Protein backbone atom coordinates (compact mmCIF):
# COMPACT_ATOMS: atom_id res chain seq x y z
CA ALA A 1 90.11 -179.53 -118.53
CA VAL A 2 87.69 -179.65 -115.50
CA THR A 3 89.92 -179.66 -112.38
CA ASP A 4 90.78 -178.02 -108.59
CA LEU A 5 94.17 -176.52 -109.10
CA VAL A 6 95.47 -176.07 -105.45
CA PHE A 7 99.18 -174.44 -105.00
CA LEU A 8 100.74 -174.98 -101.93
CA VAL A 9 103.69 -172.21 -101.83
CA ASP A 10 106.90 -171.90 -99.83
CA GLY A 11 106.53 -168.29 -98.38
CA SER A 12 109.66 -168.59 -95.82
CA TRP A 13 112.15 -166.47 -95.71
CA SER A 14 114.83 -169.16 -97.03
CA VAL A 15 112.63 -168.44 -100.68
CA GLY A 16 113.56 -164.92 -100.66
CA ARG A 17 111.49 -162.17 -102.45
CA GLU A 18 113.27 -162.48 -105.59
CA ASN A 19 112.56 -166.33 -105.81
CA PHE A 20 109.28 -165.69 -104.81
CA LYS A 21 108.85 -163.33 -107.61
CA PHE A 22 109.80 -166.53 -109.62
CA ILE A 23 107.12 -168.79 -107.89
CA ARG A 24 104.42 -166.36 -108.36
CA SER A 25 105.12 -166.30 -112.03
CA PHE A 26 105.14 -170.11 -112.28
CA ILE A 27 101.81 -170.13 -110.75
CA TRP A 28 100.34 -166.87 -112.76
CA ALA A 29 101.31 -168.91 -115.92
CA MET A 30 100.00 -172.39 -114.97
CA ALA A 31 96.70 -171.07 -113.83
CA GLY A 32 96.43 -169.05 -117.19
CA ALA A 33 96.61 -172.07 -119.19
CA PHE A 34 93.13 -173.35 -117.71
CA ASP A 35 89.83 -172.36 -118.53
CA ILE A 36 88.61 -170.79 -115.31
CA GLY A 37 85.19 -171.23 -114.01
CA GLU A 38 82.70 -172.36 -111.40
CA ASP A 39 81.83 -175.54 -113.43
CA LYS A 40 85.57 -175.47 -115.23
CA THR A 41 88.86 -175.23 -113.36
CA ARG A 42 88.85 -173.55 -109.91
CA VAL A 43 92.27 -172.31 -108.54
CA ALA A 44 93.62 -171.92 -104.72
CA VAL A 45 96.29 -170.52 -103.36
CA VAL A 46 98.07 -171.56 -100.03
CA GLN A 47 101.11 -170.19 -98.70
CA TYR A 48 103.14 -171.55 -95.46
CA SER A 49 106.02 -170.82 -93.48
CA SER A 50 105.83 -170.68 -89.34
CA ASP A 51 102.24 -171.19 -90.21
CA THR A 52 99.66 -171.22 -93.21
CA ARG A 53 97.38 -168.75 -94.85
CA THR A 54 94.80 -169.43 -97.72
CA GLU A 55 95.30 -166.44 -100.14
CA PHE A 56 92.41 -167.75 -101.98
CA ASN A 57 90.07 -170.37 -102.08
CA LEU A 58 88.64 -172.64 -104.45
CA ASN A 59 84.98 -170.61 -104.78
CA GLN A 60 86.37 -167.06 -104.16
CA TYR A 61 87.19 -166.45 -108.26
CA TYR A 62 85.50 -167.59 -111.56
CA ARG A 63 86.84 -165.90 -114.18
CA ARG A 64 90.53 -165.90 -115.44
CA PRO A 65 91.16 -162.28 -114.96
CA ASP A 66 90.32 -162.45 -111.15
CA VAL A 67 92.48 -165.45 -110.53
CA LEU A 68 95.33 -163.90 -112.01
CA ARG A 69 95.25 -160.92 -110.84
CA ALA A 70 95.09 -162.14 -107.22
CA ILE A 71 97.97 -164.50 -108.06
CA LYS A 72 100.03 -161.36 -109.46
CA ASN A 73 99.04 -159.50 -105.77
CA LEU A 74 99.79 -162.31 -103.62
CA PRO A 75 102.35 -160.99 -100.79
CA TYR A 76 105.65 -162.35 -100.07
CA LYS A 77 104.64 -163.82 -96.05
CA GLY A 78 108.32 -164.64 -94.96
CA GLY A 79 108.92 -166.82 -91.64
CA ASN A 80 110.58 -169.97 -90.93
CA THR A 81 110.73 -172.96 -92.70
CA MET A 82 108.91 -175.41 -91.17
CA THR A 83 108.26 -177.81 -94.28
CA GLY A 84 108.55 -181.12 -91.74
CA VAL A 85 106.24 -180.14 -89.01
């Protein structure tokens, strides 16, 4: 499948570090199921709490090992839960 996958991740304190590990594992498994490439599936991750932070863009990684490594190394952001703002 050719697609752009963008994960919007709640990284607020209400999630907690342990739950964030589960979120990261889910993203890793989902992204790993696709054929990653410039003309195939592209992946991006944005994390939000008090503000948003783009962890990596769609055009940053074009190889599955690079995408999976970036997901594995996603830091827990922390911050207030601002889902409705």
